[in-house]
Each structure stands twice: as structure tokens, then as C-alpha cells.
Amino acid sequence: LAVSESGDGEDALHLLTGDDAPELALVDWDLPGLGGRDVCRLARARRRFGAPYIILLVPDQERAGEAFAAGADDCLMSGASGYEVQARLFAARRFTVRRLVRR
């Protein structure tokens, strides 16, 4: 499992749409510059097929609908417990493995 980190939204978008894009991404809503919602939306638009499974960290429940509308596969509240983050990452990993096997 390789982990990459970005300092801002533009860098995150580059990582998610590049040739070595990850299968799974945990993206913060409040990224500097280009926000997480826009990173998600643009990543989906640029890599319509083969875009990473994106979990968007949202600041409050009201943003969950916006996260899914932007193309997020899942969302978590910012500040979620480590256990909850780990559980969602494991679930996402199972999903991405099945998707890769089908290819």
C-alpha cells in the first residue's frame, strides 16, 4: 500500500488524474486553493472511467449531499475516529479490488 499526500487542491487533482492515480483517495473538503468538492468533481470529469474511489472528508452533515453530488463514493465527517476511517478504508479497498478483478 503506497500513500501519497498533497499540500493543496491543485496538487491533489494532479495526483488523482495522473497516469499513476491511486485506486483509493481520502480527500479533505477544506483543501487550500481548490477545495475537496471541486477536486472530486474535476477528477470525475477528467477520468470518467477509472477514477479513484474517493472518500471526501466533510466538515458537517449538511455537506454530505454536496459530496455525493460532486462524485464522491463515500464521505466521512472531518474528525471521525481512527476506527471509523479505517473501517471505511477497508470497505473501499474491498470495492476497488473487486473492480480491478472485473477488468
PDB file of N, CA and C in Angstrom:
ATOM      1  N   LEU A   1       0.852  -1.184   0.000  1.00  0.00           N
ATOM      2  CA  LEU A   1       0.000   0.000   0.000  1.00  0.00           C
ATOM      3  C   LEU A   1       0.891   1.238   0.000  1.00  0.00           C
ATOM      4  N   ALA A   2       0.760   2.049  -1.020  1.00  0.00           N
ATOM      5  CA  ALA A   2       1.526   3.293  -1.115  1.00  0.00           C
ATOM      6  C   ALA A   2       0.634   4.459  -0.718  1.00  0.00           C
ATOM      7  N   VAL A   3       1.181   5.391   0.033  1.00  0.00           N
ATOM      8  CA  VAL A   3       0.432   6.559   0.493  1.00  0.00           C
ATOM      9  C   VAL A   3       1.088   7.806  -0.078  1.00  0.00           C
ATOM     10  N   SER A   4       0.263   8.675  -0.660  1.00  0.00           N
ATOM     11  CA  SER A   4       0.740   9.965  -1.170  1.00  0.00           C
ATOM     12  C   SER A   4      -0.030  11.061  -0.466  1.00  0.00           C
ATOM     13  N   GLU A   5       0.606  12.201  -0.318  1.00  0.00           N
ATOM     14  CA  GLU A   5      -0.027  13.342   0.345  1.00  0.00           C
ATOM     15  C   GLU A   5       0.142  14.561  -0.547  1.00  0.00           C
ATOM     16  N   SER A   6      -0.877  15.413  -0.547  1.00  0.00           N
ATOM     17  CA  SER A   6      -0.774  16.652  -1.322  1.00  0.00           C
ATOM     18  C   SER A   6      -0.946  17.834  -0.382  1.00  0.00           C
ATOM     19  N   GLY A   7      -0.356  18.958  -0.755  1.00  0.00           N
ATOM     20  CA  GLY A   7      -0.425  20.151   0.077  1.00  0.00           C
ATOM     21  C   GLY A   7      -1.595  21.054  -0.237  1.00  0.00           C
ATOM     22  N   ASP A   8      -2.177  20.889  -1.432  1.00  0.00           N
ATOM     23  CA  ASP A   8      -3.308  21.745  -1.805  1.00  0.00           C
ATOM     24  C   ASP A   8      -4.176  21.023  -2.831  1.00  0.00           C
ATOM     25  N   GLY A   9      -5.279  21.658  -3.191  1.00  0.00           N
ATOM     26  CA  GLY A   9      -6.225  21.040  -4.104  1.00  0.00           C
ATOM     27  C   GLY A   9      -5.686  20.784  -5.495  1.00  0.00           C
ATOM     28  N   GLU A  10      -4.891  21.705  -6.010  1.00  0.00           N
ATOM     29  CA  GLU A  10      -4.333  21.527  -7.347  1.00  0.00           C
ATOM     30  C   GLU A  10      -3.413  20.312  -7.399  1.00  0.00           C
ATOM     31  N   ASP A  11      -2.596  20.156  -6.368  1.00  0.00           N
ATOM     32  CA  ASP A  11      -1.702  19.001  -6.290  1.00  0.00           C
ATOM     33  C   ASP A  11      -2.517  17.713  -6.159  1.00  0.00           C
ATOM     34  N   ALA A  12      -3.566  17.747  -5.348  1.00  0.00           N
ATOM     35  CA  ALA A  12      -4.430  16.571  -5.184  1.00  0.00           C
ATOM     36  C   ALA A  12      -5.066  16.183  -6.516  1.00  0.00           C
ATOM     37  N   LEU A  13      -5.557  17.167  -7.255  1.00  0.00           N
ATOM     38  CA  LEU A  13      -6.172  16.891  -8.553  1.00  0.00           C
ATOM     39  C   LEU A  13      -5.154  16.270  -9.506  1.00  0.00           C
ATOM     40  N   HIS A  14      -3.944  16.785  -9.493  1.00  0.00           N
ATOM     41  CA  HIS A  14      -2.881  16.225 -10.337  1.00  0.00           C
ATOM     42  C   HIS A  14      -2.626  14.758  -9.974  1.00  0.00           C
ATOM     43  N   LEU A  15      -2.572  14.461  -8.681  1.00  0.00           N
ATOM     44  CA  LEU A  15      -2.349  13.083  -8.241  1.00  0.00           C
ATOM     45  C   LEU A  15      -3.490  12.168  -8.680  1.00  0.00           C
ATOM     46  N   LEU A  16      -4.726  12.656  -8.574  1.00  0.00           N
ATOM     47  CA  LEU A  16      -5.895  11.823  -8.864  1.00  0.00           C
ATOM     48  C   LEU A  16      -6.146  11.622 -10.355  1.00  0.00           C
ATOM     49  N   THR A  17      -5.565  12.464 -11.182  1.00  0.00           N
ATOM     50  CA  THR A  17      -5.824  12.353 -12.621  1.00  0.00           C
ATOM     51  C   THR A  17      -4.589  11.960 -13.423  1.00  0.00           C
ATOM     52  N   GLY A  18      -3.482  11.768 -12.754  1.00  0.00           N
ATOM     53  CA  GLY A  18      -2.251  11.394 -13.447  1.00  0.00           C
ATOM     54  C   GLY A  18      -2.230   9.933 -13.863  1.00  0.00           C
ATOM     55  N   ASP A  19      -1.185   9.566 -14.572  1.00  0.00           N
ATOM     56  CA  ASP A  19      -1.035   8.190 -15.044  1.00  0.00           C
ATOM     57  C   ASP A  19      -0.916   7.184 -13.902  1.00  0.00           C
ATOM     58  N   ASP A  20      -0.364   7.610 -12.777  1.00  0.00           N
ATOM     59  CA  ASP A  20      -0.206   6.727 -11.619  1.00  0.00           C
ATOM     60  C   ASP A  20      -1.235   7.037 -10.540  1.00  0.00           C
ATOM     61  N   ALA A  21      -2.452   7.383 -10.943  1.00  0.00           N
ATOM     62  CA  ALA A  21      -3.504   7.732  -9.981  1.00  0.00           C
ATOM     63  C   ALA A  21      -3.772   6.552  -9.046  1.00  0.00           C
ATOM     64  N   PRO A  22      -4.043   6.837  -7.786  1.00  0.00           N
ATOM     65  CA  PRO A  22      -4.330   5.762  -6.835  1.00  0.00           C
ATOM     66  C   PRO A  22      -5.697   5.137  -7.108  1.00  0.00           C
ATOM     67  N   GLU A  23      -5.922   3.969  -6.571  1.00  0.00           N
ATOM     68  CA  GLU A  23      -7.238   3.326  -6.658  1.00  0.00           C
ATOM     69  C   GLU A  23      -8.195   3.894  -5.617  1.00  0.00           C
ATOM     70  N   LEU A  24      -7.635   4.484  -4.557  1.00  0.00           N
ATOM     71  CA  LEU A  24      -8.420   4.970  -3.426  1.00  0.00           C
ATOM     72  C   LEU A  24      -7.854   6.301  -2.961  1.00  0.00           C
ATOM     73  N   ALA A  25      -8.738   7.257  -2.683  1.00  0.00           N
ATOM     74  CA  ALA A  25      -8.277   8.570  -2.217  1.00  0.00           C
ATOM     75  C   ALA A  25      -9.153   9.057  -1.075  1.00  0.00           C
ATOM     76  N   LEU A  26      -8.524   9.611  -0.071  1.00  0.00           N
ATOM     77  CA  LEU A  26      -9.181  10.269   1.054  1.00  0.00           C
ATOM     78  C   LEU A  26      -8.893  11.753   0.878  1.00  0.00           C
ATOM     79  N   VAL A  27      -9.933  12.540   0.556  1.00  0.00           N
ATOM     80  CA  VAL A  27      -9.762  13.944   0.181  1.00  0.00           C
ATOM     81  C   VAL A  27     -10.485  14.839   1.181  1.00  0.00           C
ATOM     82  N   ASP A  28      -9.795  15.849   1.695  1.00  0.00           N
ATOM     83  CA  ASP A  28     -10.375  16.785   2.658  1.00  0.00           C
ATOM     84  C   ASP A  28     -11.170  17.873   1.935  1.00  0.00           C
ATOM     85  N   TRP A  29     -12.344  18.161   2.425  1.00  0.00           N
ATOM     86  CA  TRP A  29     -13.209  19.218   1.884  1.00  0.00           C
ATOM     87  C   TRP A  29     -12.496  20.562   1.875  1.00  0.00           C
ATOM     88  N   ASP A  30     -11.727  20.837   2.935  1.00  0.00           N
ATOM     89  CA  ASP A  30     -11.114  22.149   3.138  1.00  0.00           C
ATOM     90  C   ASP A  30      -9.669  22.226   2.649  1.00  0.00           C
ATOM     91  N   LEU A  31      -9.362  21.640   1.516  1.00  0.00           N
ATOM     92  CA  LEU A  31      -8.011  21.769   0.961  1.00  0.00           C
ATOM     93  C   LEU A  31      -7.742  23.221   0.587  1.00  0.00           C
ATOM     94  N   PRO A  32      -6.515  23.698   0.782  1.00  0.00           N
ATOM     95  CA  PRO A  32      -6.174  25.056   0.335  1.00  0.00           C
ATOM     96  C   PRO A  32      -6.273  25.164  -1.189  1.00  0.00           C
ATOM     97  N   GLY A  33      -6.644  26.319  -1.660  1.00  0.00           N
ATOM     98  CA  GLY A  33      -6.776  26.537  -3.106  1.00  0.00           C
ATOM     99  C   GLY A  33      -8.054  25.903  -3.614  1.00  0.00           C
ATOM    100  N   LEU A  34      -7.915  24.923  -4.455  1.00  0.00           N
ATOM    101  CA  LEU A  34      -9.052  24.187  -4.997  1.00  0.00           C
ATOM    102  C   LEU A  34      -9.588  23.271  -3.902  1.00  0.00           C
ATOM    103  N   GLY A  35     -10.827  23.468  -3.485  1.00  0.00           N
ATOM    104  CA  GLY A  35     -11.399  22.689  -2.388  1.00  0.00           C
ATOM    105  C   GLY A  35     -11.644  21.234  -2.760  1.00  0.00           C
ATOM    106  N   GLY A  36     -11.835  20.407  -1.749  1.00  0.00           N
ATOM    107  CA  GLY A  36     -12.033  18.978  -1.953  1.00  0.00           C
ATOM    108  C   GLY A  36     -13.227  18.639  -2.828  1.00  0.00           C
ATOM    109  N   ARG A  37     -14.325  19.377  -2.687  1.00  0.00           N
ATOM    110  CA  ARG A  37     -15.503  19.126  -3.525  1.00  0.00           C
ATOM    111  C   ARG A  37     -15.143  19.309  -5.001  1.00  0.00           C
ATOM    112  N   ASP A  38     -14.430  20.392  -5.314  1.00  0.00           N
ATOM    113  CA  ASP A  38     -14.049  20.643  -6.704  1.00  0.00           C
ATOM    114  C   ASP A  38     -12.995  19.653  -7.194  1.00  0.00           C
ATOM    115  N   VAL A  39     -12.098  19.249  -6.320  1.00  0.00           N
ATOM    116  CA  VAL A  39     -11.116  18.220  -6.688  1.00  0.00           C
ATOM    117  C   VAL A  39     -11.853  16.949  -7.101  1.00  0.00           C
ATOM    118  N   CYS A  40     -12.829  16.556  -6.306  1.00  0.00           N
ATOM    119  CA  CYS A  40     -13.608  15.357  -6.599  1.00  0.00           C
ATOM    120  C   CYS A  40     -14.352  15.508  -7.926  1.00  0.00           C
ATOM    121  N   ARG A  41     -15.044  16.603  -8.100  1.00  0.00           N
ATOM    122  CA  ARG A  41     -15.829  16.853  -9.318  1.00  0.00           C
ATOM    123  C   ARG A  41     -14.937  16.831 -10.565  1.00  0.00           C
ATOM    124  N   LEU A  42     -13.803  17.521 -10.492  1.00  0.00           N
ATOM    125  CA  LEU A  42     -12.901  17.590 -11.642  1.00  0.00           C
ATOM    126  C   LEU A  42     -12.205  16.257 -11.918  1.00  0.00           C
ATOM    127  N   ALA A  43     -11.861  15.526 -10.858  1.00  0.00           N
ATOM    128  CA  ALA A  43     -11.246  14.205 -11.049  1.00  0.00           C
ATOM    129  C   ALA A  43     -12.217  13.278 -11.768  1.00  0.00           C
ATOM    130  N   ARG A  44     -13.481  13.338 -11.395  1.00  0.00           N
ATOM    131  CA  ARG A  44     -14.506  12.522 -12.066  1.00  0.00           C
ATOM    132  C   ARG A  44     -14.662  12.938 -13.531  1.00  0.00           C
ATOM    133  N   ALA A  45     -14.652  14.225 -13.782  1.00  0.00           N
ATOM    134  CA  ALA A  45     -14.825  14.715 -15.155  1.00  0.00           C
ATOM    135  C   ALA A  45     -13.636  14.330 -16.039  1.00  0.00           C
ATOM    136  N   ARG A  46     -12.448  14.372 -15.483  1.00  0.00           N
ATOM    137  CA  ARG A  46     -11.245  14.097 -16.279  1.00  0.00           C
ATOM    138  C   ARG A  46     -10.954  12.614 -16.443  1.00  0.00           C
ATOM    139  N   ARG A  47     -11.375  11.831 -15.464  1.00  0.00           N
ATOM    140  CA  ARG A  47     -11.155  10.376 -15.530  1.00  0.00           C
ATOM    141  C   ARG A  47     -12.489   9.693 -15.320  1.00  0.00           C
ATOM    142  N   ARG A  48     -13.374   9.888 -16.251  1.00  0.00           N
ATOM    143  CA  ARG A  48     -14.733   9.374 -16.116  1.00  0.00           C
ATOM    144  C   ARG A  48     -14.743   7.885 -15.793  1.00  0.00           C
ATOM    145  N   PHE A  49     -13.934   7.135 -16.500  1.00  0.00           N
ATOM    146  CA  PHE A  49     -13.789   5.710 -16.226  1.00  0.00           C
ATOM    147  C   PHE A  49     -12.394   5.513 -15.655  1.00  0.00           C
ATOM    148  N   GLY A  50     -12.296   4.837 -14.553  1.00  0.00           N
ATOM    149  CA  GLY A  50     -11.004   4.611 -13.941  1.00  0.00           C
ATOM    150  C   GLY A  50     -10.613   5.641 -12.904  1.00  0.00           C
ATOM    151  N   ALA A  51     -11.558   6.505 -12.519  1.00  0.00           N
ATOM    152  CA  ALA A  51     -11.262   7.465 -11.448  1.00  0.00           C
ATOM    153  C   ALA A  51     -11.140   6.702 -10.131  1.00  0.00           C
ATOM    154  N   PRO A  52     -10.339   7.200  -9.217  1.00  0.00           N
ATOM    155  CA  PRO A  52     -10.192   6.526  -7.930  1.00  0.00           C
ATOM    156  C   PRO A  52     -11.507   6.483  -7.151  1.00  0.00           C
ATOM    157  N   TYR A  53     -11.588   5.557  -6.230  1.00  0.00           N
ATOM    158  CA  TYR A  53     -12.667   5.538  -5.248  1.00  0.00           C
ATOM    159  C   TYR A  53     -12.351   6.686  -4.298  1.00  0.00           C
ATOM    160  N   ILE A  54     -13.244   7.662  -4.197  1.00  0.00           N
ATOM    161  CA  ILE A  54     -12.958   8.872  -3.424  1.00  0.00           C
ATOM    162  C   ILE A  54     -13.840   8.949  -2.190  1.00  0.00           C
ATOM    163  N   ILE A  55     -13.188   9.059  -1.034  1.00  0.00           N
ATOM    164  CA  ILE A  55     -13.874   9.337   0.228  1.00  0.00           C
ATOM    165  C   ILE A  55     -13.591  10.794   0.550  1.00  0.00           C
ATOM    166  N   LEU A  56     -14.638  11.593   0.624  1.00  0.00           N
ATOM    167  CA  LEU A  56     -14.491  13.024   0.881  1.00  0.00           C
ATOM    168  C   LEU A  56     -14.760  13.303   2.352  1.00  0.00           C
ATOM    169  N   LEU A  57     -13.803  13.941   3.020  1.00  0.00           N
ATOM    170  CA  LEU A  57     -13.964  14.342   4.420  1.00  0.00           C
ATOM    171  C   LEU A  57     -14.718  15.661   4.449  1.00  0.00           C
ATOM    172  N   VAL A  58     -15.910  15.665   5.052  1.00  0.00           N
ATOM    173  CA  VAL A  58     -16.768  16.851   5.056  1.00  0.00           C
ATOM    174  C   VAL A  58     -16.798  17.482   6.445  1.00  0.00           C
ATOM    175  N   PRO A  59     -16.966  18.818   6.522  1.00  0.00           N
ATOM    176  CA  PRO A  59     -16.958  19.495   7.817  1.00  0.00           C
ATOM    177  C   PRO A  59     -18.236  19.290   8.628  1.00  0.00           C
ATOM    178  N   ASP A  60     -19.357  18.980   7.957  1.00  0.00           N
ATOM    179  CA  ASP A  60     -20.630  18.784   8.660  1.00  0.00           C
ATOM    180  C   ASP A  60     -21.557  17.934   7.797  1.00  0.00           C
ATOM    181  N   GLN A  61     -22.613  17.415   8.403  1.00  0.00           N
ATOM    182  CA  GLN A  61     -23.540  16.524   7.695  1.00  0.00           C
ATOM    183  C   GLN A  61     -24.221  17.202   6.510  1.00  0.00           C
ATOM    184  N   GLU A  62     -24.421  18.510   6.599  1.00  0.00           N
ATOM    185  CA  GLU A  62     -25.087  19.228   5.513  1.00  0.00           C
ATOM    186  C   GLU A  62     -24.296  19.144   4.210  1.00  0.00           C
ATOM    187  N   ARG A  63     -23.018  18.928   4.290  1.00  0.00           N
ATOM    188  CA  ARG A  63     -22.168  18.858   3.101  1.00  0.00           C
ATOM    189  C   ARG A  63     -22.159  17.465   2.458  1.00  0.00           C
ATOM    190  N   ALA A  64     -22.722  16.480   3.134  1.00  0.00           N
ATOM    191  CA  ALA A  64     -22.701  15.113   2.598  1.00  0.00           C
ATOM    192  C   ALA A  64     -23.379  15.037   1.236  1.00  0.00           C
ATOM    193  N   GLY A  65     -24.528  15.670   1.096  1.00  0.00           N
ATOM    194  CA  GLY A  65     -25.217  15.670  -0.196  1.00  0.00           C
ATOM    195  C   GLY A  65     -24.385  16.309  -1.284  1.00  0.00           C
ATOM    196  N   GLU A  66     -23.696  17.395  -0.940  1.00  0.00           N
ATOM    197  CA  GLU A  66     -22.815  18.061  -1.907  1.00  0.00           C
ATOM    198  C   GLU A  66     -21.644  17.154  -2.291  1.00  0.00           C
ATOM    199  N   ALA A  67     -21.155  16.397  -1.317  1.00  0.00           N
ATOM    200  CA  ALA A  67     -20.040  15.482  -1.584  1.00  0.00           C
ATOM    201  C   ALA A  67     -20.450  14.432  -2.612  1.00  0.00           C
ATOM    202  N   PHE A  68     -21.619  13.836  -2.416  1.00  0.00           N
ATOM    203  CA  PHE A  68     -22.074  12.811  -3.357  1.00  0.00           C
ATOM    204  C   PHE A  68     -22.412  13.414  -4.714  1.00  0.00           C
ATOM    205  N   ALA A  69     -22.972  14.617  -4.722  1.00  0.00           N
ATOM    206  CA  ALA A  69     -23.273  15.293  -5.991  1.00  0.00           C
ATOM    207  C   ALA A  69     -21.993  15.594  -6.775  1.00  0.00           C
ATOM    208  N   ALA A  70     -20.891  15.818  -6.065  1.00  0.00           N
ATOM    209  CA  ALA A  70     -19.602  16.090  -6.716  1.00  0.00           C
ATOM    210  C   ALA A  70     -18.942  14.815  -7.232  1.00  0.00           C
ATOM    211  N   GLY A  71     -19.507  13.660  -6.869  1.00  0.00           N
ATOM    212  CA  GLY A  71     -18.964  12.399  -7.360  1.00  0.00           C
ATOM    213  C   GLY A  71     -18.245  11.555  -6.330  1.00  0.00           C
ATOM    214  N   ALA A  72     -18.303  11.948  -5.058  1.00  0.00           N
ATOM    215  CA  ALA A  72     -17.660  11.141  -4.018  1.00  0.00           C
ATOM    216  C   ALA A  72     -18.341   9.775  -3.930  1.00  0.00           C
ATOM    217  N   ASP A  73     -17.561   8.756  -3.667  1.00  0.00           N
ATOM    218  CA  ASP A  73     -18.105   7.415  -3.473  1.00  0.00           C
ATOM    219  C   ASP A  73     -18.583   7.222  -2.047  1.00  0.00           C
ATOM    220  N   ASP A  74     -18.000   7.974  -1.134  1.00  0.00           N
ATOM    221  CA  ASP A  74     -18.353   7.902   0.280  1.00  0.00           C
ATOM    222  C   ASP A  74     -17.929   9.213   0.914  1.00  0.00           C
ATOM    223  N   CYS A  75     -18.437   9.483   2.095  1.00  0.00           N
ATOM    224  CA  CYS A  75     -17.964  10.661   2.826  1.00  0.00           C
ATOM    225  C   CYS A  75     -17.922  10.347   4.313  1.00  0.00           C
ATOM    226  N   LEU A  76     -17.069  11.060   4.987  1.00  0.00           N
ATOM    227  CA  LEU A  76     -16.870  10.949   6.430  1.00  0.00           C
ATOM    228  C   LEU A  76     -16.822  12.349   7.001  1.00  0.00           C
ATOM    229  N   MET A  77     -17.254  12.482   8.228  1.00  0.00           N
ATOM    230  CA  MET A  77     -17.128  13.762   8.914  1.00  0.00           C
ATOM    231  C   MET A  77     -15.658  13.989   9.258  1.00  0.00           C
ATOM    232  N   SER A  78     -15.179  15.205   9.031  1.00  0.00           N
ATOM    233  CA  SER A  78     -13.827  15.556   9.473  1.00  0.00           C
ATOM    234  C   SER A  78     -13.772  15.319  10.972  1.00  0.00           C
ATOM    235  N   GLY A  79     -12.705  14.760  11.438  1.00  0.00           N
ATOM    236  CA  GLY A  79     -12.584  14.455  12.859  1.00  0.00           C
ATOM    237  C   GLY A  79     -13.170  13.101  13.227  1.00  0.00           C
ATOM    238  N   ALA A  80     -13.509  12.284  12.227  1.00  0.00           N
ATOM    239  CA  ALA A  80     -14.020  10.940  12.505  1.00  0.00           C
ATOM    240  C   ALA A  80     -12.952  10.152  13.253  1.00  0.00           C
ATOM    241  N   SER A  81     -13.394   9.184  14.023  1.00  0.00           N
ATOM    242  CA  SER A  81     -12.450   8.375  14.791  1.00  0.00           C
ATOM    243  C   SER A  81     -11.559   7.564  13.854  1.00  0.00           C
ATOM    244  N   GLY A  82     -10.393   7.223  14.340  1.00  0.00           N
ATOM    245  CA  GLY A  82      -9.480   6.393  13.566  1.00  0.00           C
ATOM    246  C   GLY A  82     -10.113   5.069  13.184  1.00  0.00           C
ATOM    247  N   TYR A  83     -10.923   4.516  14.085  1.00  0.00           N
ATOM    248  CA  TYR A  83     -11.606   3.256  13.807  1.00  0.00           C
ATOM    249  C   TYR A  83     -12.558   3.408  12.623  1.00  0.00           C
ATOM    250  N   GLU A  84     -13.329   4.501  12.590  1.00  0.00           N
ATOM    251  CA  GLU A  84     -14.283   4.713  11.500  1.00  0.00           C
ATOM    252  C   GLU A  84     -13.557   4.929  10.169  1.00  0.00           C
ATOM    253  N   VAL A  85     -12.486   5.707  10.195  1.00  0.00           N
ATOM    254  CA  VAL A  85     -11.705   5.927   8.972  1.00  0.00           C
ATOM    255  C   VAL A  85     -11.149   4.594   8.476  1.00  0.00           C
ATOM    256  N   GLN A  86     -10.590   3.813   9.377  1.00  0.00           N
ATOM    257  CA  GLN A  86     -10.017   2.523   9.000  1.00  0.00           C
ATOM    258  C   GLN A  86     -11.086   1.593   8.427  1.00  0.00           C
ATOM    259  N   ALA A  87     -12.261   1.566   9.035  1.00  0.00           N
ATOM    260  CA  ALA A  87     -13.345   0.712   8.540  1.00  0.00           C
ATOM    261  C   ALA A  87     -13.761   1.118   7.130  1.00  0.00           C
ATOM    262  N   ARG A  88     -13.879   2.412   6.880  1.00  0.00           N
ATOM    263  CA  ARG A  88     -14.267   2.886   5.542  1.00  0.00           C
ATOM    264  C   ARG A  88     -13.180   2.593   4.513  1.00  0.00           C
ATOM    265  N   LEU A  89     -11.923   2.732   4.923  1.00  0.00           N
ATOM    266  CA  LEU A  89     -10.824   2.431   4.005  1.00  0.00           C
ATOM    267  C   LEU A  89     -10.798   0.949   3.642  1.00  0.00           C
ATOM    268  N   PHE A  90     -11.045   0.080   4.624  1.00  0.00           N
ATOM    269  CA  PHE A  90     -11.091  -1.354   4.334  1.00  0.00           C
ATOM    270  C   PHE A  90     -12.254  -1.686   3.403  1.00  0.00           C
ATOM    271  N   ALA A  91     -13.415  -1.085   3.637  1.00  0.00           N
ATOM    272  CA  ALA A  91     -14.571  -1.319   2.764  1.00  0.00           C
ATOM    273  C   ALA A  91     -14.280  -0.832   1.347  1.00  0.00           C
ATOM    274  N   ALA A  92     -13.677   0.338   1.238  1.00  0.00           N
ATOM    275  CA  ALA A  92     -13.334   0.882  -0.079  1.00  0.00           C
ATOM    276  C   ALA A  92     -12.310  -0.009  -0.773  1.00  0.00           C
ATOM    277  N   ARG A  93     -11.393  -0.513  -0.032  1.00  0.00           N
ATOM    278  CA  ARG A  93     -10.359  -1.381  -0.612  1.00  0.00           C
ATOM    279  C   ARG A  93     -10.981  -2.659  -1.181  1.00  0.00           C
ATOM    280  N   ARG A  94     -11.940  -3.237  -0.454  1.00  0.00           N
ATOM    281  CA  ARG A  94     -12.635  -4.421  -0.970  1.00  0.00           C
ATOM    282  C   ARG A  94     -13.336  -4.095  -2.287  1.00  0.00           C
ATOM    283  N   PHE A  95     -13.967  -2.925  -2.341  1.00  0.00           N
ATOM    284  CA  PHE A  95     -14.665  -2.499  -3.550  1.00  0.00           C
ATOM    285  C   PHE A  95     -13.693  -2.337  -4.714  1.00  0.00           C
ATOM    286  N   THR A  96     -12.570  -1.685  -4.467  1.00  0.00           N
ATOM    287  CA  THR A  96     -11.623  -1.440  -5.562  1.00  0.00           C
ATOM    288  C   THR A  96     -10.970  -2.735  -6.028  1.00  0.00           C
ATOM    289  N   VAL A  97     -10.732  -3.670  -5.124  1.00  0.00           N
ATOM    290  CA  VAL A  97     -10.160  -4.962  -5.523  1.00  0.00           C
ATOM    291  C   VAL A  97     -11.140  -5.689  -6.439  1.00  0.00           C
ATOM    292  N   ARG A  98     -12.425  -5.695  -6.094  1.00  0.00           N
ATOM    293  CA  ARG A  98     -13.426  -6.337  -6.958  1.00  0.00           C
ATOM    294  C   ARG A  98     -13.485  -5.667  -8.322  1.00  0.00           C
ATOM    295  N   ARG A  99     -13.391  -4.337  -8.338  1.00  0.00           N
ATOM    296  CA  ARG A  99     -13.429  -3.602  -9.604  1.00  0.00           C
ATOM    297  C   ARG A  99     -12.216  -3.965 -10.466  1.00  0.00           C
ATOM    298  N   LEU A 100     -11.047  -4.097  -9.839  1.00  0.00           N
ATOM    299  CA  LEU A 100      -9.844  -4.461 -10.588  1.00  0.00           C
ATOM    300  C   LEU A 100      -9.927  -5.879 -11.139  1.00  0.00           C
ATOM    301  N   VAL A 101     -10.510  -6.789 -10.367  1.00  0.00           N
ATOM    302  CA  VAL A 101     -10.634  -8.175 -10.809  1.00  0.00           C
ATOM    303  C   VAL A 101     -11.546  -8.258 -12.029  1.00  0.00           C
ATOM    304  N   ARG A 102     -12.585  -7.430 -12.075  1.00  0.00           N
ATOM    305  CA  ARG A 102     -13.518  -7.432 -13.206  1.00  0.00           C
ATOM    306  C   ARG A 102     -12.886  -6.909 -14.486  1.00  0.00           C
ATOM    307  N   ARG A 103     -11.852  -6.076 -14.382  1.00  0.00           N
ATOM    308  CA  ARG A 103     -11.200  -5.513 -15.576  1.00  0.00           C
ATOM    309  C   ARG A 103     -10.546  -6.579 -16.319  1.00  0.00           C
TER     310      ARG A 103
END
